[in-house]
């Protein structure tokens, strides 16, 4: 659970080694890359490199908590809250709870499978963010704005480091 972690310390430790890992991040022309910087029993830390025009679908983080911080550029985040069907009656729905632009030093926190978001870099420059997941997550849901779960996806890495 994120609440029991010293997020500032975890992020500061990764930032202290930023000069070692940032130049190693995989590059491509579109989308974003996910590079694992650190893994332990309680959490994992990823660096996400967002290329111009990158956008994620609306997604959850499974049963993991997630905290983020923007290190370069800016990210546009749309947050949703998912409501469950009651006793199997009806279907889940999503409620828009906010949109914001996150600049360097700013971030977000998502608390489990009911908190969803989509993230975009609509700018013409790359953005970089760091993400702490507790516990590590391996699967996540992808949703339509209506609340229908379209798919379950497997979390993958473009690179794995130990910084």
Protein backbone atom coordinates (compact mmCIF):
# COMPACT_ATOMS: atom_id res chain seq x y z
CA UNK A 1 0.00 0.00 0.00
CA UNK A 2 1.35 3.43 -0.92
CA UNK A 3 0.34 5.00 2.41
CA UNK A 4 2.98 2.97 4.26
CA UNK A 5 5.79 3.97 1.92
CA UNK A 6 8.04 7.00 2.07
CA UNK A 7 7.33 8.09 -1.51
CA UNK A 8 9.53 11.18 -1.33
CA UNK A 9 12.51 9.04 -0.31
CA UNK A 10 11.81 6.37 -2.96
CA UNK A 11 11.53 8.99 -5.70
CA UNK A 12 14.58 10.92 -4.42
CA UNK A 13 16.66 7.72 -4.57
CA UNK A 14 15.71 7.17 -8.22
CA UNK A 15 16.34 10.83 -9.04
CA UNK A 16 19.80 10.59 -7.49
CA UNK A 17 20.69 7.99 -10.12
CA UNK A 18 18.78 9.69 -12.97
CA UNK A 19 21.95 10.49 -14.91
CA UNK A 20 22.69 6.75 -15.03
CA UNK A 21 19.31 5.52 -16.31
CA UNK A 22 17.69 8.36 -18.26
CA UNK A 23 19.96 8.01 -21.30
CA UNK A 24 19.29 4.25 -21.38
CA UNK A 25 15.51 4.55 -21.72
CA UNK A 26 14.24 2.96 -24.93
CA UNK A 27 13.22 5.45 -27.59
CA UNK A 28 10.66 5.22 -30.35
CA UNK A 29 8.70 7.72 -32.38
CA UNK A 30 5.22 7.17 -30.94
CA UNK A 31 3.52 6.13 -27.72
CA UNK A 32 5.42 5.70 -24.50
CA UNK A 33 7.90 3.29 -22.96
CA UNK A 34 7.80 1.66 -19.53
CA UNK A 35 11.18 0.95 -17.94
CA UNK A 36 11.50 -0.69 -14.55
CA UNK A 37 14.07 1.08 -12.40
CA UNK A 38 13.66 -0.87 -9.17
CA UNK A 39 11.77 -3.87 -7.76
CA UNK A 40 11.43 -5.20 -4.22
CA UNK A 41 8.81 -7.21 -2.33
CA UNK A 42 6.77 -4.12 -1.41
CA UNK A 43 6.83 -1.97 -4.55
CA UNK A 44 8.30 -1.28 -7.96
CA UNK A 45 9.46 1.95 -9.59
CA UNK A 46 9.07 2.66 -13.29
CA UNK A 47 10.17 5.49 -15.57
CA UNK A 48 7.71 6.28 -18.36
CA UNK A 49 8.99 8.20 -21.36
CA UNK A 50 6.09 9.86 -23.22
CA UNK A 51 6.61 10.81 -26.84
CA UNK A 52 4.68 13.67 -28.46
CA UNK A 53 1.05 12.66 -28.99
CA UNK A 54 1.22 9.64 -26.65
CA UNK A 55 -2.08 8.66 -25.03
CA UNK A 56 -3.11 5.74 -22.85
CA UNK A 57 -6.57 4.22 -22.88
CA UNK A 58 -8.66 4.63 -19.74
CA UNK A 59 -7.20 2.07 -17.34
CA UNK A 60 -6.92 0.92 -13.74
CA UNK A 61 -3.88 -0.50 -11.96
CA UNK A 62 -5.43 -3.74 -10.80
CA UNK A 63 -5.15 -4.04 -7.03
CA UNK A 64 -2.07 -1.84 -6.85
CA UNK A 65 -1.74 1.68 -5.56
CA UNK A 66 0.09 4.08 -7.83
CA UNK A 67 1.86 7.37 -7.20
CA UNK A 68 3.40 9.43 -10.01
CA UNK A 69 5.62 12.45 -10.44
CA UNK A 70 6.45 14.35 -13.64
CA UNK A 71 10.20 14.81 -14.16
CA UNK A 72 10.20 16.55 -17.55
CA UNK A 73 7.56 18.06 -19.84
CA UNK A 74 3.90 17.94 -18.89
CA UNK A 75 1.18 15.31 -18.82
CA UNK A 76 -2.56 15.74 -19.21
CA UNK A 77 -4.46 13.42 -16.89
CA UNK A 78 -8.15 12.58 -16.93
CA UNK A 79 -9.37 10.84 -13.75
CA UNK A 80 -12.40 8.57 -13.40
CA UNK A 81 -14.05 6.68 -10.56
CA UNK A 82 -15.56 3.29 -11.36
CA UNK A 83 -18.75 2.20 -9.64
CA UNK A 84 -19.52 -1.50 -9.43
CA UNK A 85 -22.80 -3.16 -10.23
CA UNK A 86 -24.79 -3.93 -7.06
CA UNK A 87 -25.25 -7.66 -6.37
CA UNK A 88 -24.52 -8.36 -10.01
CA UNK A 89 -27.43 -6.15 -11.09
CA UNK A 90 -26.68 -3.45 -13.62
CA UNK A 91 -23.25 -2.74 -14.97
CA UNK A 92 -20.25 -0.78 -13.86
CA UNK A 93 -20.04 2.86 -14.83
CA UNK A 94 -17.37 5.54 -14.90
CA UNK A 95 -17.72 8.99 -13.48
CA UNK A 96 -15.36 11.74 -14.62
CA UNK A 97 -13.79 13.23 -11.50
CA UNK A 98 -11.24 15.60 -12.96
CA UNK A 99 -8.86 16.74 -15.65
CA UNK A 100 -5.57 18.42 -14.99
CA UNK A 101 -2.20 19.24 -16.46
CA UNK A 102 0.74 18.03 -14.43
CA UNK A 103 3.99 19.95 -14.69
CA UNK A 104 7.48 19.09 -13.46
CA UNK A 105 7.36 18.18 -9.76
CA UNK A 106 3.62 17.49 -9.76
CA UNK A 107 2.00 14.08 -9.65
CA UNK A 108 -0.97 11.97 -8.81
CA UNK A 109 -2.02 8.98 -6.73
CA UNK A 110 -4.49 6.24 -7.59
CA UNK A 111 -5.85 3.93 -4.93
CA UNK A 112 -6.69 0.56 -6.43
CA UNK A 113 -9.02 -0.77 -9.08
CA UNK A 114 -11.81 1.81 -8.65
CA UNK A 115 -9.54 4.75 -9.51
CA UNK A 116 -8.94 4.98 -13.24
CA UNK A 117 -7.24 7.45 -15.50
CA UNK A 118 -5.97 8.16 -18.97
CA UNK A 119 -2.72 10.01 -19.52
CA UNK A 120 -1.62 11.98 -22.57
CA UNK A 121 1.28 14.03 -23.81
CA UNK A 122 -0.37 16.31 -26.38
CA UNK A 123 2.71 18.53 -26.60
CA UNK A 124 5.47 18.50 -29.21
CA UNK A 125 8.20 17.53 -26.72
CA UNK A 126 8.90 14.38 -24.73
CA UNK A 127 7.72 14.04 -21.14
CA UNK A 128 9.19 11.84 -18.43
CA UNK A 129 7.46 10.57 -15.32
CA UNK A 130 8.30 8.24 -12.48
CA UNK A 131 5.71 5.79 -11.09
CA UNK A 132 5.68 3.84 -7.83
CA UNK A 133 3.33 0.82 -7.71
CA UNK A 134 2.60 -1.05 -4.49
CA UNK A 135 2.43 -3.92 -4.80
CA UNK A 136 3.87 -4.56 -8.25
CA UNK A 137 1.06 -5.09 -10.71
CA UNK A 138 0.96 -7.52 -13.57
CA UNK A 139 -2.54 -7.05 -15.01
CA UNK A 140 -4.81 -4.07 -15.47
CA UNK A 141 -8.19 -3.30 -16.98
CA UNK A 142 -8.86 -1.14 -20.03
CA UNK A 143 -12.24 0.62 -20.20
CA UNK A 144 -14.60 2.55 -22.43
CA UNK A 145 -15.91 5.85 -21.09
CA UNK A 146 -19.25 4.10 -20.59
CA UNK A 147 -17.63 1.87 -17.95
CA UNK A 148 -17.51 -1.29 -20.01
CA UNK A 149 -14.30 -3.19 -19.42
CA UNK A 150 -12.87 -3.84 -22.86
CA UNK A 151 -9.90 -5.98 -21.94
CA UNK A 152 -7.47 -7.17 -19.34
CA UNK A 153 -3.92 -6.32 -20.33
CA UNK A 154 -0.60 -7.59 -19.07
CA UNK A 155 1.87 -5.04 -17.75
CA UNK A 156 5.08 -5.16 -19.77
CA UNK A 157 8.44 -3.48 -19.62
CA UNK A 158 10.42 -2.02 -22.49
CA UNK A 159 13.56 -2.20 -20.35
CA UNK A 160 14.56 -3.48 -16.91
CA UNK A 161 17.24 -1.82 -14.77
CA UNK A 162 18.19 -1.87 -11.11
CA UNK A 163 18.92 1.72 -10.05
